[in-house]
């Protein structure tokens, strides 16, 4: 099966040796997105702004893949403070509708660039 790298200027450029997403057949694997503004490559200020920006970045990459967040079947959310889990749920409700994707939320010691949240996703296009 061939793999196709997905790239868009509407989301932050990769800051390492990875693609923003890779499509293999009808499945798209989106790399983790921080709350980075794609134009300035700076983190948004505060947890709420970073969560929204991370979802906006995921949306941009999902759009570039030919799909959208409505095609998400799995999300992984990484938080440096699990006390922000309720805020993730609140904001996530504005980006997704029933049936919601499966999801894991993991507390981590640190994230790249000092981020407070990172979110990745798997889409299935159909």
PDB file of N, CA and C in Angstrom:
ATOM      1  N   UNK A   1       0.846  -1.171   0.000  1.00  0.00           N
ATOM      2  CA  UNK A   1       0.000   0.000   0.000  1.00  0.00           C
ATOM      3  C   UNK A   1       0.896   1.240   0.000  1.00  0.00           C
ATOM      4  N   UNK A   2       0.538   2.205  -0.815  1.00  0.00           N
ATOM      5  CA  UNK A   2       1.334   3.430  -0.882  1.00  0.00           C
ATOM      6  C   UNK A   2       0.970   4.369   0.266  1.00  0.00           C
ATOM      7  N   UNK A   3       1.919   5.218   0.594  1.00  0.00           N
ATOM      8  CA  UNK A   3       1.704   6.227   1.629  1.00  0.00           C
ATOM      9  C   UNK A   3       1.859   7.591   0.992  1.00  0.00           C
ATOM     10  N   UNK A   4       1.007   8.521   1.420  1.00  0.00           N
ATOM     11  CA  UNK A   4       1.035   9.889   0.903  1.00  0.00           C
ATOM     12  C   UNK A   4       1.180  10.842   2.078  1.00  0.00           C
ATOM     13  N   UNK A   5       2.238  11.652   2.065  1.00  0.00           N
ATOM     14  CA  UNK A   5       2.426  12.657   3.109  1.00  0.00           C
ATOM     15  C   UNK A   5       1.480  13.823   2.847  1.00  0.00           C
ATOM     16  N   UNK A   6       0.867  14.319   3.902  1.00  0.00           N
ATOM     17  CA  UNK A   6      -0.049  15.455   3.831  1.00  0.00           C
ATOM     18  C   UNK A   6       0.667  16.665   4.409  1.00  0.00           C
ATOM     19  N   UNK A   7       0.586  17.780   3.712  1.00  0.00           N
ATOM     20  CA  UNK A   7       1.254  19.004   4.146  1.00  0.00           C
ATOM     21  C   UNK A   7       0.354  20.198   3.852  1.00  0.00           C
ATOM     22  N   UNK A   8       0.230  21.110   4.816  1.00  0.00           N
ATOM     23  CA  UNK A   8      -0.529  22.338   4.599  1.00  0.00           C
ATOM     24  C   UNK A   8       0.125  23.482   5.361  1.00  0.00           C
ATOM     25  N   UNK A   9       0.124  24.644   4.765  1.00  0.00           N
ATOM     26  CA  UNK A   9       0.625  25.848   5.435  1.00  0.00           C
ATOM     27  C   UNK A   9      -0.386  26.381   6.449  1.00  0.00           C
ATOM     28  N   UNK A  10      -1.603  25.836   6.452  1.00  0.00           N
ATOM     29  CA  UNK A  10      -2.641  26.283   7.380  1.00  0.00           C
ATOM     30  C   UNK A  10      -2.460  25.707   8.785  1.00  0.00           C
ATOM     31  N   UNK A  11      -1.461  24.840   8.950  1.00  0.00           N
ATOM     32  CA  UNK A  11      -1.109  24.283  10.258  1.00  0.00           C
ATOM     33  C   UNK A  11       0.389  24.474  10.449  1.00  0.00           C
ATOM     34  N   UNK A  12       0.861  24.413  11.695  1.00  0.00           N
ATOM     35  CA  UNK A  12       2.292  24.616  11.927  1.00  0.00           C
ATOM     36  C   UNK A  12       3.146  23.623  11.148  1.00  0.00           C
ATOM     37  N   UNK A  13       4.254  24.110  10.638  1.00  0.00           N
ATOM     38  CA  UNK A  13       5.207  23.246   9.944  1.00  0.00           C
ATOM     39  C   UNK A  13       5.767  22.232  10.930  1.00  0.00           C
ATOM     40  N   UNK A  14       6.101  21.062  10.437  1.00  0.00           N
ATOM     41  CA  UNK A  14       6.704  20.038  11.285  1.00  0.00           C
ATOM     42  C   UNK A  14       7.990  20.582  11.904  1.00  0.00           C
ATOM     43  N   UNK A  15       8.183  20.323  13.187  1.00  0.00           N
ATOM     44  CA  UNK A  15       9.392  20.799  13.862  1.00  0.00           C
ATOM     45  C   UNK A  15      10.310  19.609  14.161  1.00  0.00           C
ATOM     46  N   UNK A  16      10.295  18.643  13.269  1.00  0.00           N
ATOM     47  CA  UNK A  16      11.127  17.452  13.405  1.00  0.00           C
ATOM     48  C   UNK A  16      11.024  16.609  12.155  1.00  0.00           C
ATOM     49  N   UNK A  17      11.465  15.391  12.271  1.00  0.00           N
ATOM     50  CA  UNK A  17      11.493  14.473  11.130  1.00  0.00           C
ATOM     51  C   UNK A  17      10.193  13.676  11.061  1.00  0.00           C
ATOM     52  N   UNK A  18       9.112  14.369  10.729  1.00  0.00           N
ATOM     53  CA  UNK A  18       7.808  13.729  10.598  1.00  0.00           C
ATOM     54  C   UNK A  18       6.953  14.541   9.635  1.00  0.00           C
ATOM     55  N   UNK A  19       5.861  13.940   9.203  1.00  0.00           N
ATOM     56  CA  UNK A  19       4.890  14.604   8.335  1.00  0.00           C
ATOM     57  C   UNK A  19       3.731  15.099   9.187  1.00  0.00           C
ATOM     58  N   UNK A  20       3.037  16.136   8.729  1.00  0.00           N
ATOM     59  CA  UNK A  20       1.846  16.595   9.446  1.00  0.00           C
ATOM     60  C   UNK A  20       0.806  15.484   9.500  1.00  0.00           C
ATOM     61  N   UNK A  21       0.742  14.689   8.446  1.00  0.00           N
ATOM     62  CA  UNK A  21      -0.139  13.520   8.406  1.00  0.00           C
ATOM     63  C   UNK A  21       0.363  12.599   7.304  1.00  0.00           C
ATOM     64  N   UNK A  22      -0.060  11.350   7.392  1.00  0.00           N
ATOM     65  CA  UNK A  22       0.239  10.368   6.348  1.00  0.00           C
ATOM     66  C   UNK A  22      -1.054   9.623   6.050  1.00  0.00           C
ATOM     67  N   UNK A  23      -1.368   9.557   4.748  1.00  0.00           N
ATOM     68  CA  UNK A  23      -2.544   8.800   4.313  1.00  0.00           C
ATOM     69  C   UNK A  23      -2.083   7.462   3.759  1.00  0.00           C
ATOM     70  N   UNK A  24      -2.704   6.395   4.251  1.00  0.00           N
ATOM     71  CA  UNK A  24      -2.453   5.038   3.768  1.00  0.00           C
ATOM     72  C   UNK A  24      -3.823   4.442   3.460  1.00  0.00           C
ATOM     73  N   UNK A  25      -4.138   4.330   2.176  1.00  0.00           N
ATOM     74  CA  UNK A  25      -5.474   3.885   1.793  1.00  0.00           C
ATOM     75  C   UNK A  25      -6.501   4.917   2.226  1.00  0.00           C
ATOM     76  N   UNK A  26      -7.522   4.480   2.923  1.00  0.00           N
ATOM     77  CA  UNK A  26      -8.569   5.387   3.407  1.00  0.00           C
ATOM     78  C   UNK A  26      -8.315   5.880   4.827  1.00  0.00           C
ATOM     79  N   UNK A  27      -7.158   5.529   5.391  1.00  0.00           N
ATOM     80  CA  UNK A  27      -6.833   5.925   6.759  1.00  0.00           C
ATOM     81  C   UNK A  27      -5.804   7.040   6.741  1.00  0.00           C
ATOM     82  N   UNK A  28      -6.047   8.070   7.556  1.00  0.00           N
ATOM     83  CA  UNK A  28      -5.119   9.198   7.667  1.00  0.00           C
ATOM     84  C   UNK A  28      -4.684   9.303   9.114  1.00  0.00           C
ATOM     85  N   UNK A  29      -3.382   9.299   9.329  1.00  0.00           N
ATOM     86  CA  UNK A  29      -2.792   9.413  10.657  1.00  0.00           C
ATOM     87  C   UNK A  29      -2.263  10.832  10.811  1.00  0.00           C
ATOM     88  N   UNK A  30      -2.902  11.617  11.675  1.00  0.00           N
ATOM     89  CA  UNK A  30      -2.501  12.999  11.900  1.00  0.00           C
ATOM     90  C   UNK A  30      -1.519  13.062  13.059  1.00  0.00           C
ATOM     91  N   UNK A  31      -0.385  13.703  12.818  1.00  0.00           N
ATOM     92  CA  UNK A  31       0.605  13.891  13.879  1.00  0.00           C
ATOM     93  C   UNK A  31       0.040  14.793  14.960  1.00  0.00           C
ATOM     94  N   UNK A  32       0.622  14.701  16.132  1.00  0.00           N
ATOM     95  CA  UNK A  32       0.194  15.531  17.258  1.00  0.00           C
ATOM     96  C   UNK A  32       0.323  17.006  16.937  1.00  0.00           C
ATOM     97  N   UNK A  33      -0.682  17.751  17.342  1.00  0.00           N
ATOM     98  CA  UNK A  33      -0.689  19.204  17.149  1.00  0.00           C
ATOM     99  C   UNK A  33      -0.688  19.892  18.505  1.00  0.00           C
ATOM    100  N   UNK A  34       0.211  20.834  18.640  1.00  0.00           N
ATOM    101  CA  UNK A  34       0.274  21.698  19.812  1.00  0.00           C
ATOM    102  C   UNK A  34      -0.595  22.915  19.561  1.00  0.00           C
ATOM    103  N   UNK A  35      -0.683  23.778  20.536  1.00  0.00           N
ATOM    104  CA  UNK A  35      -1.419  25.031  20.383  1.00  0.00           C
ATOM    105  C   UNK A  35      -0.565  26.110  19.745  1.00  0.00           C
ATOM    106  N   UNK A  36       0.144  25.753  18.674  1.00  0.00           N
ATOM    107  CA  UNK A  36       1.019  26.689  17.962  1.00  0.00           C
ATOM    108  C   UNK A  36       0.243  27.439  16.895  1.00  0.00           C
ATOM    109  N   UNK A  37       0.409  28.743  16.853  1.00  0.00           N
ATOM    110  CA  UNK A  37      -0.125  29.553  15.766  1.00  0.00           C
ATOM    111  C   UNK A  37       0.687  29.222  14.517  1.00  0.00           C
ATOM    112  N   UNK A  38       0.044  28.823  13.415  1.00  0.00           N
ATOM    113  CA  UNK A  38       0.807  28.417  12.231  1.00  0.00           C
ATOM    114  C   UNK A  38       1.598  29.554  11.582  1.00  0.00           C
ATOM    115  N   UNK A  39       1.164  30.781  11.748  1.00  0.00           N
ATOM    116  CA  UNK A  39       1.870  31.911  11.129  1.00  0.00           C
ATOM    117  C   UNK A  39       3.116  32.295  11.916  1.00  0.00           C
ATOM    118  N   UNK A  40       2.981  32.387  13.224  1.00  0.00           N
ATOM    119  CA  UNK A  40       4.110  32.843  14.045  1.00  0.00           C
ATOM    120  C   UNK A  40       4.939  31.705  14.614  1.00  0.00           C
ATOM    121  N   UNK A  41       4.389  30.478  14.628  1.00  0.00           N
ATOM    122  CA  UNK A  41       5.017  29.308  15.245  1.00  0.00           C
ATOM    123  C   UNK A  41       5.257  29.533  16.741  1.00  0.00           C
ATOM    124  N   UNK A  42       4.426  30.368  17.348  1.00  0.00           N
ATOM    125  CA  UNK A  42       4.474  30.611  18.789  1.00  0.00           C
ATOM    126  C   UNK A  42       3.248  29.977  19.437  1.00  0.00           C
ATOM    127  N   UNK A  43       3.430  29.505  20.674  1.00  0.00           N
ATOM    128  CA  UNK A  43       2.303  28.942  21.412  1.00  0.00           C
ATOM    129  C   UNK A  43       1.308  30.023  21.765  1.00  0.00           C
ATOM    130  N   UNK A  44       0.035  29.686  21.689  1.00  0.00           N
ATOM    131  CA  UNK A  44      -1.012  30.580  22.167  1.00  0.00           C
ATOM    132  C   UNK A  44      -0.878  30.697  23.684  1.00  0.00           C
ATOM    133  N   UNK A  45      -1.399  31.759  24.230  1.00  0.00           N
ATOM    134  CA  UNK A  45      -1.300  32.016  25.665  1.00  0.00           C
ATOM    135  C   UNK A  45      -2.447  31.349  26.409  1.00  0.00           C
ATOM    136  N   UNK A  46      -2.120  30.455  27.339  1.00  0.00           N
ATOM    137  CA  UNK A  46      -3.123  29.830  28.190  1.00  0.00           C
ATOM    138  C   UNK A  46      -3.671  28.527  27.638  1.00  0.00           C
ATOM    139  N   UNK A  47      -4.210  27.727  28.542  1.00  0.00           N
ATOM    140  CA  UNK A  47      -4.683  26.392  28.173  1.00  0.00           C
ATOM    141  C   UNK A  47      -5.859  26.430  27.203  1.00  0.00           C
ATOM    142  N   UNK A  48      -6.839  27.292  27.425  1.00  0.00           N
ATOM    143  CA  UNK A  48      -7.998  27.321  26.535  1.00  0.00           C
ATOM    144  C   UNK A  48      -7.594  27.672  25.111  1.00  0.00           C
ATOM    145  N   UNK A  49      -6.758  28.683  24.951  1.00  0.00           N
ATOM    146  CA  UNK A  49      -6.307  29.086  23.617  1.00  0.00           C
ATOM    147  C   UNK A  49      -5.475  27.990  22.964  1.00  0.00           C
ATOM    148  N   UNK A  50      -4.676  27.278  23.754  1.00  0.00           N
ATOM    149  CA  UNK A  50      -3.866  26.201  23.184  1.00  0.00           C
ATOM    150  C   UNK A  50      -4.732  25.018  22.752  1.00  0.00           C
ATOM    151  N   UNK A  51      -5.754  24.691  23.531  1.00  0.00           N
ATOM    152  CA  UNK A  51      -6.655  23.602  23.136  1.00  0.00           C
ATOM    153  C   UNK A  51      -7.359  23.959  21.832  1.00  0.00           C
ATOM    154  N   UNK A  52      -7.917  25.153  21.751  1.00  0.00           N
ATOM    155  CA  UNK A  52      -8.615  25.574  20.527  1.00  0.00           C
ATOM    156  C   UNK A  52      -7.669  25.564  19.329  1.00  0.00           C
ATOM    157  N   UNK A  53      -6.458  26.071  19.513  1.00  0.00           N
ATOM    158  CA  UNK A  53      -5.503  26.115  18.403  1.00  0.00           C
ATOM    159  C   UNK A  53      -5.097  24.711  17.974  1.00  0.00           C
ATOM    160  N   UNK A  54      -4.923  23.803  18.937  1.00  0.00           N
ATOM    161  CA  UNK A  54      -4.581  22.424  18.583  1.00  0.00           C
ATOM    162  C   UNK A  54      -5.690  21.801  17.734  1.00  0.00           C
ATOM    163  N   UNK A  55      -6.957  22.014  18.123  1.00  0.00           N
ATOM    164  CA  UNK A  55      -8.069  21.490  17.311  1.00  0.00           C
ATOM    165  C   UNK A  55      -8.138  22.191  15.954  1.00  0.00           C
ATOM    166  N   UNK A  56      -7.898  23.497  15.916  1.00  0.00           N
ATOM    167  CA  UNK A  56      -7.869  24.209  14.629  1.00  0.00           C
ATOM    168  C   UNK A  56      -6.778  23.652  13.724  1.00  0.00           C
ATOM    169  N   UNK A  57      -5.622  23.359  14.305  1.00  0.00           N
ATOM    170  CA  UNK A  57      -4.519  22.797  13.517  1.00  0.00           C
ATOM    171  C   UNK A  57      -4.869  21.407  13.000  1.00  0.00           C
ATOM    172  N   UNK A  58      -5.483  20.588  13.853  1.00  0.00           N
ATOM    173  CA  UNK A  58      -5.927  19.269  13.395  1.00  0.00           C
ATOM    174  C   UNK A  58      -6.932  19.401  12.260  1.00  0.00           C
ATOM    175  N   UNK A  59      -7.858  20.357  12.396  1.00  0.00           N
ATOM    176  CA  UNK A  59      -8.857  20.572  11.351  1.00  0.00           C
ATOM    177  C   UNK A  59      -8.185  20.936  10.032  1.00  0.00           C
ATOM    178  N   UNK A  60      -7.177  21.794  10.077  1.00  0.00           N
ATOM    179  CA  UNK A  60      -6.478  22.215   8.853  1.00  0.00           C
ATOM    180  C   UNK A  60      -5.793  21.028   8.178  1.00  0.00           C
ATOM    181  N   UNK A  61      -5.156  20.177   8.962  1.00  0.00           N
ATOM    182  CA  UNK A  61      -4.485  19.006   8.387  1.00  0.00           C
ATOM    183  C   UNK A  61      -5.520  18.009   7.872  1.00  0.00           C
ATOM    184  N   UNK A  62      -6.598  17.815   8.624  1.00  0.00           N
ATOM    185  CA  UNK A  62      -7.671  16.916   8.167  1.00  0.00           C
ATOM    186  C   UNK A  62      -8.251  17.412   6.852  1.00  0.00           C
ATOM    187  N   UNK A  63      -8.487  18.717   6.739  1.00  0.00           N
ATOM    188  CA  UNK A  63      -8.995  19.293   5.487  1.00  0.00           C
ATOM    189  C   UNK A  63      -8.022  19.046   4.342  1.00  0.00           C
ATOM    190  N   UNK A  64      -6.733  19.220   4.604  1.00  0.00           N
ATOM    191  CA  UNK A  64      -5.719  19.025   3.562  1.00  0.00           C
ATOM    192  C   UNK A  64      -5.653  17.569   3.100  1.00  0.00           C
ATOM    193  N   UNK A  65      -6.107  16.652   3.946  1.00  0.00           N
ATOM    194  CA  UNK A  65      -6.085  15.229   3.589  1.00  0.00           C
ATOM    195  C   UNK A  65      -7.272  14.844   2.718  1.00  0.00           C
ATOM    196  N   UNK A  66      -8.223  15.761   2.563  1.00  0.00           N
ATOM    197  CA  UNK A  66      -9.431  15.446   1.814  1.00  0.00           C
ATOM    198  C   UNK A  66     -10.578  15.036   2.720  1.00  0.00           C
ATOM    199  N   UNK A  67     -10.367  15.122   4.018  1.00  0.00           N
ATOM    200  CA  UNK A  67     -11.409  14.769   4.978  1.00  0.00           C
ATOM    201  C   UNK A  67     -11.708  15.927   5.893  1.00  0.00           C
ATOM    202  N   UNK A  68     -12.077  15.605   7.100  1.00  0.00           N
ATOM    203  CA  UNK A  68     -12.378  16.610   8.108  1.00  0.00           C
ATOM    204  C   UNK A  68     -12.425  15.952   9.470  1.00  0.00           C
ATOM    205  N   UNK A  69     -12.600  16.739  10.505  1.00  0.00           N
ATOM    206  CA  UNK A  69     -12.658  16.166  11.847  1.00  0.00           C
ATOM    207  C   UNK A  69     -13.858  15.237  12.020  1.00  0.00           C
ATOM    208  N   UNK A  70     -14.874  15.379  11.191  1.00  0.00           N
ATOM    209  CA  UNK A  70     -16.013  14.468  11.275  1.00  0.00           C
ATOM    210  C   UNK A  70     -15.628  13.042  10.869  1.00  0.00           C
ATOM    211  N   UNK A  71     -14.452  12.888  10.243  1.00  0.00           N
ATOM    212  CA  UNK A  71     -13.955  11.568   9.858  1.00  0.00           C
ATOM    213  C   UNK A  71     -13.071  10.943  10.934  1.00  0.00           C
ATOM    214  N   UNK A  72     -12.861  11.641  12.048  1.00  0.00           N
ATOM    215  CA  UNK A  72     -11.991  11.134  13.112  1.00  0.00           C
ATOM    216  C   UNK A  72     -12.635   9.937  13.806  1.00  0.00           C
ATOM    217  N   UNK A  73     -11.856   8.879  13.961  1.00  0.00           N
ATOM    218  CA  UNK A  73     -12.313   7.696  14.683  1.00  0.00           C
ATOM    219  C   UNK A  73     -11.569   7.532  16.011  1.00  0.00           C
ATOM    220  N   UNK A  74     -10.422   8.214  16.149  1.00  0.00           N
ATOM    221  CA  UNK A  74      -9.614   8.081  17.369  1.00  0.00           C
ATOM    222  C   UNK A  74      -8.834   9.359  17.608  1.00  0.00           C
ATOM    223  N   UNK A  75      -8.849   9.824  18.854  1.00  0.00           N
ATOM    224  CA  UNK A  75      -8.034  10.959  19.284  1.00  0.00           C
ATOM    225  C   UNK A  75      -7.192  10.531  20.473  1.00  0.00           C
ATOM    226  N   UNK A  76      -6.013  11.110  20.575  1.00  0.00           N
ATOM    227  CA  UNK A  76      -5.191  11.008  21.770  1.00  0.00           C
ATOM    228  C   UNK A  76      -4.918  12.426  22.231  1.00  0.00           C
ATOM    229  N   UNK A  77      -5.186  12.686  23.500  1.00  0.00           N
ATOM    230  CA  UNK A  77      -4.977  14.010  24.088  1.00  0.00           C
ATOM    231  C   UNK A  77      -3.909  13.867  25.163  1.00  0.00           C
ATOM    232  N   UNK A  78      -2.880  14.681  25.078  1.00  0.00           N
ATOM    233  CA  UNK A  78      -1.791  14.677  26.045  1.00  0.00           C
ATOM    234  C   UNK A  78      -1.821  16.013  26.783  1.00  0.00           C
ATOM    235  N   UNK A  79      -1.905  15.956  28.109  1.00  0.00           N
ATOM    236  CA  UNK A  79      -1.996  17.158  28.933  1.00  0.00           C
ATOM    237  C   UNK A  79      -0.888  17.164  29.978  1.00  0.00           C
ATOM    238  N   UNK A  80      -0.274  18.320  30.183  1.00  0.00           N
ATOM    239  CA  UNK A  80       0.709  18.431  31.257  1.00  0.00           C
ATOM    240  C   UNK A  80       0.030  18.579  32.612  1.00  0.00           C
ATOM    241  N   UNK A  81      -1.272  18.844  32.617  1.00  0.00           N
ATOM    242  CA  UNK A  81      -2.062  18.943  33.849  1.00  0.00           C
ATOM    243  C   UNK A  81      -3.440  18.354  33.575  1.00  0.00           C
ATOM    244  N   UNK A  82      -3.708  17.175  34.128  1.00  0.00           N
ATOM    245  CA  UNK A  82      -5.002  16.529  33.889  1.00  0.00           C
ATOM    246  C   UNK A  82      -6.161  17.313  34.498  1.00  0.00           C
ATOM    247  N   UNK A  83      -5.868  18.324  35.268  1.00  0.00           N
ATOM    248  CA  UNK A  83      -6.898  19.215  35.768  1.00  0.00           C
ATOM    249  C   UNK A  83      -7.581  19.994  34.654  1.00  0.00           C
ATOM    250  N   UNK A  84      -6.977  20.007  33.462  1.00  0.00           N
ATOM    251  CA  UNK A  84      -7.555  20.696  32.311  1.00  0.00           C
ATOM    252  C   UNK A  84      -8.440  19.783  31.465  1.00  0.00           C
ATOM    253  N   UNK A  85      -8.655  18.545  31.929  1.00  0.00           N
ATOM    254  CA  UNK A  85      -9.435  17.572  31.166  1.00  0.00           C
ATOM    255  C   UNK A  85     -10.861  18.060  30.902  1.00  0.00           C
ATOM    256  N   UNK A  86     -11.504  18.673  31.884  1.00  0.00           N
ATOM    257  CA  UNK A  86     -12.870  19.175  31.690  1.00  0.00           C
ATOM    258  C   UNK A  86     -12.905  20.260  30.621  1.00  0.00           C
ATOM    259  N   UNK A  87     -11.885  21.096  30.546  1.00  0.00           N
ATOM    260  CA  UNK A  87     -11.818  22.154  29.523  1.00  0.00           C
ATOM    261  C   UNK A  87     -11.675  21.527  28.135  1.00  0.00           C
ATOM    262  N   UNK A  88     -10.905  20.448  28.028  1.00  0.00           N
ATOM    263  CA  UNK A  88     -10.790  19.735  26.744  1.00  0.00           C
ATOM    264  C   UNK A  88     -12.169  19.245  26.318  1.00  0.00           C
ATOM    265  N   UNK A  89     -12.905  18.617  27.226  1.00  0.00           N
ATOM    266  CA  UNK A  89     -14.248  18.118  26.901  1.00  0.00           C
ATOM    267  C   UNK A  89     -15.162  19.240  26.434  1.00  0.00           C
ATOM    268  N   UNK A  90     -15.130  20.356  27.148  1.00  0.00           N
ATOM    269  CA  UNK A  90     -15.979  21.500  26.806  1.00  0.00           C
ATOM    270  C   UNK A  90     -15.674  22.016  25.406  1.00  0.00           C
ATOM    271  N   UNK A  91     -14.406  22.205  25.115  1.00  0.00           N
ATOM    272  CA  UNK A  91     -14.006  22.751  23.812  1.00  0.00           C
ATOM    273  C   UNK A  91     -14.199  21.721  22.706  1.00  0.00           C
ATOM    274  N   UNK A  92     -13.910  20.466  23.001  1.00  0.00           N
ATOM    275  CA  UNK A  92     -14.053  19.397  22.005  1.00  0.00           C
ATOM    276  C   UNK A  92     -15.476  19.311  21.486  1.00  0.00           C
ATOM    277  N   UNK A  93     -16.451  19.585  22.333  1.00  0.00           N
ATOM    278  CA  UNK A  93     -17.861  19.512  21.935  1.00  0.00           C
ATOM    279  C   UNK A  93     -18.183  20.485  20.811  1.00  0.00           C
ATOM    280  N   UNK A  94     -17.396  21.535  20.657  1.00  0.00           N
ATOM    281  CA  UNK A  94     -17.602  22.481  19.562  1.00  0.00           C
ATOM    282  C   UNK A  94     -16.993  22.036  18.243  1.00  0.00           C
ATOM    283  N   UNK A  95     -16.167  21.010  18.269  1.00  0.00           N
ATOM    284  CA  UNK A  95     -15.495  20.530  17.060  1.00  0.00           C
ATOM    285  C   UNK A  95     -16.032  19.191  16.556  1.00  0.00           C
ATOM    286  N   UNK A  96     -16.733  18.467  17.417  1.00  0.00           N
ATOM    287  CA  UNK A  96     -17.198  17.118  17.075  1.00  0.00           C
ATOM    288  C   UNK A  96     -18.671  16.978  17.432  1.00  0.00           C
ATOM    289  N   UNK A  97     -19.316  16.015  16.772  1.00  0.00           N
ATOM    290  CA  UNK A  97     -20.698  15.687  17.111  1.00  0.00           C
ATOM    291  C   UNK A  97     -20.814  14.170  17.236  1.00  0.00           C
ATOM    292  N   UNK A  98     -21.935  13.725  17.737  1.00  0.00           N
ATOM    293  CA  UNK A  98     -22.201  12.308  17.943  1.00  0.00           C
ATOM    294  C   UNK A  98     -22.267  11.612  16.584  1.00  0.00           C
ATOM    295  N   UNK A  99     -21.670  10.468  16.409  1.00  0.00           N
ATOM    296  CA  UNK A  99     -20.906   9.721  17.391  1.00  0.00           C
ATOM    297  C   UNK A  99     -19.484  10.294  17.520  1.00  0.00           C
ATOM    298  N   UNK A 100     -19.063  10.565  18.751  1.00  0.00           N
ATOM    299  CA  UNK A 100     -17.740  11.103  18.997  1.00  0.00           C
ATOM    300  C   UNK A 100     -16.681  10.049  18.698  1.00  0.00           C
ATOM    301  N   UNK A 101     -15.475  10.492  18.349  1.00  0.00           N
ATOM    302  CA  UNK A 101     -14.399   9.513  18.148  1.00  0.00           C
ATOM    303  C   UNK A 101     -14.001   8.877  19.478  1.00  0.00           C
ATOM    304  N   UNK A 102     -13.425   7.702  19.399  1.00  0.00           N
ATOM    305  CA  UNK A 102     -12.812   7.107  20.577  1.00  0.00           C
ATOM    306  C   UNK A 102     -11.672   8.028  21.007  1.00  0.00           C
ATOM    307  N   UNK A 103     -11.325   7.997  22.306  1.00  0.00           N
ATOM    308  CA  UNK A 103     -10.323   8.946  22.771  1.00  0.00           C
ATOM    309  C   UNK A 103      -9.588   8.409  23.987  1.00  0.00           C
ATOM    310  N   UNK A 104      -8.327   8.798  24.083  1.00  0.00           N
ATOM    311  CA  UNK A 104      -7.543   8.581  25.294  1.00  0.00           C
ATOM    312  C   UNK A 104      -7.037   9.934  25.750  1.00  0.00           C
ATOM    313  N   UNK A 105      -6.929  10.121  27.057  1.00  0.00           N
ATOM    314  CA  UNK A 105      -6.337  11.331  27.628  1.00  0.00           C
ATOM    315  C   UNK A 105      -5.232  10.881  28.571  1.00  0.00           C
ATOM    316  N   UNK A 106      -4.048  11.447  28.360  1.00  0.00           N
ATOM    317  CA  UNK A 106      -2.876  10.999  29.088  1.00  0.00           C
ATOM    318  C   UNK A 106      -2.188  12.196  29.725  1.00  0.00           C
ATOM    319  N   UNK A 107      -1.830  12.062  30.993  1.00  0.00           N
ATOM    320  CA  UNK A 107      -1.041  13.082  31.660  1.00  0.00           C
ATOM    321  C   UNK A 107       0.433  12.853  31.359  1.00  0.00           C
ATOM    322  N   UNK A 108       1.130  13.903  30.975  1.00  0.00           N
ATOM    323  CA  UNK A 108       2.546  13.801  30.632  1.00  0.00           C
ATOM    324  C   UNK A 108       3.340  14.840  31.419  1.00  0.00           C
ATOM    325  N   UNK A 109       4.625  14.587  31.583  1.00  0.00           N
ATOM    326  CA  UNK A 109       5.484  15.499  32.344  1.00  0.00           C
ATOM    327  C   UNK A 109       5.784  16.773  31.567  1.00  0.00           C
ATOM    328  N   UNK A 110       5.915  16.656  30.253  1.00  0.00           N
ATOM    329  CA  UNK A 110       6.262  17.821  29.434  1.00  0.00           C
ATOM    330  C   UNK A 110       5.894  17.548  27.987  1.00  0.00           C
ATOM    331  N   UNK A 111       5.739  18.625  27.225  1.00  0.00           N
ATOM    332  CA  UNK A 111       5.459  18.546  25.791  1.00  0.00           C
ATOM    333  C   UNK A 111       6.445  19.445  25.049  1.00  0.00           C
ATOM    334  N   UNK A 112       6.647  19.210  23.749  1.00  0.00           N
ATOM    335  CA  UNK A 112       7.559  20.055  22.976  1.00  0.00           C
ATOM    336  C   UNK A 112       7.190  21.536  23.084  1.00  0.00           C
ATOM    337  N   UNK A 113       8.205  22.363  23.036  1.00  0.00           N
ATOM    338  CA  UNK A 113       8.052  23.820  23.044  1.00  0.00           C
ATOM    339  C   UNK A 113       7.363  24.354  24.299  1.00  0.00           C
ATOM    340  N   UNK A 114       7.222  23.528  25.335  1.00  0.00           N
ATOM    341  CA  UNK A 114       6.562  23.974  26.561  1.00  0.00           C
ATOM    342  C   UNK A 114       5.047  23.997  26.452  1.00  0.00           C
ATOM    343  N   UNK A 115       4.496  23.281  25.463  1.00  0.00           N
ATOM    344  CA  UNK A 115       3.054  23.234  25.273  1.00  0.00           C
ATOM    345  C   UNK A 115       2.343  22.630  26.475  1.00  0.00           C
ATOM    346  N   UNK A 116       1.079  22.997  26.625  1.00  0.00           N
ATOM    347  CA  UNK A 116       0.239  22.480  27.694  1.00  0.00           C
ATOM    348  C   UNK A 116      -0.640  21.314  27.243  1.00  0.00           C
ATOM    349  N   UNK A 117      -0.840  21.208  25.916  1.00  0.00           N
ATOM    350  CA  UNK A 117      -1.699  20.171  25.352  1.00  0.00           C
ATOM    351  C   UNK A 117      -1.182  19.802  23.960  1.00  0.00           C
ATOM    352  N   UNK A 118      -1.313  18.534  23.622  1.00  0.00           N
ATOM    353  CA  UNK A 118      -1.023  18.042  22.268  1.00  0.00           C
ATOM    354  C   UNK A 118      -2.113  17.034  21.938  1.00  0.00           C
ATOM    355  N   UNK A 119      -2.593  17.073  20.705  1.00  0.00           N
ATOM    356  CA  UNK A 119      -3.681  16.191  20.281  1.00  0.00           C
ATOM    357  C   UNK A 119      -3.319  15.586  18.936  1.00  0.00           C
ATOM    358  N   UNK A 120      -3.482  14.270  18.799  1.00  0.00           N
ATOM    359  CA  UNK A 120      -3.328  13.628  17.498  1.00  0.00           C
ATOM    360  C   UNK A 120      -4.623  12.904  17.157  1.00  0.00           C
ATOM    361  N   UNK A 121      -4.735  12.457  15.918  1.00  0.00           N
ATOM    362  CA  UNK A 121      -5.986  11.843  15.481  1.00  0.00           C
ATOM    363  C   UNK A 121      -5.749  10.820  14.383  1.00  0.00           C
ATOM    364  N   UNK A 122      -6.703   9.936  14.245  1.00  0.00           N
ATOM    365  CA  UNK A 122      -6.767   8.992  13.130  1.00  0.00           C
ATOM    366  C   UNK A 122      -8.111   9.226  12.447  1.00  0.00           C
ATOM    367  N   UNK A 123      -8.064   9.421  11.128  1.00  0.00           N
ATOM    368  CA  UNK A 123      -9.273   9.587  10.333  1.00  0.00           C
ATOM    369  C   UNK A 123      -9.463   8.364   9.453  1.00  0.00           C
ATOM    370  N   UNK A 124     -10.701   8.043   9.160  1.00  0.00           N
ATOM    371  CA  UNK A 124     -11.020   7.064   8.134  1.00  0.00           C
ATOM    372  C   UNK A 124     -11.927   7.760   7.145  1.00  0.00           C
ATOM    373  N   UNK A 125     -11.424   7.874   5.917  1.00  0.00           N
ATOM    374  CA  UNK A 125     -12.164   8.563   4.862  1.00  0.00           C
ATOM    375  C   UNK A 125     -12.997   7.542   4.111  1.00  0.00           C
ATOM    376  N   UNK A 126     -14.167   7.925   3.724  1.00  0.00           N
ATOM    377  CA  UNK A 126     -15.006   6.936   3.066  1.00  0.00           C
ATOM    378  C   UNK A 126     -15.891   7.585   2.086  1.00  0.00           C
TER     379      UNK A 126
END
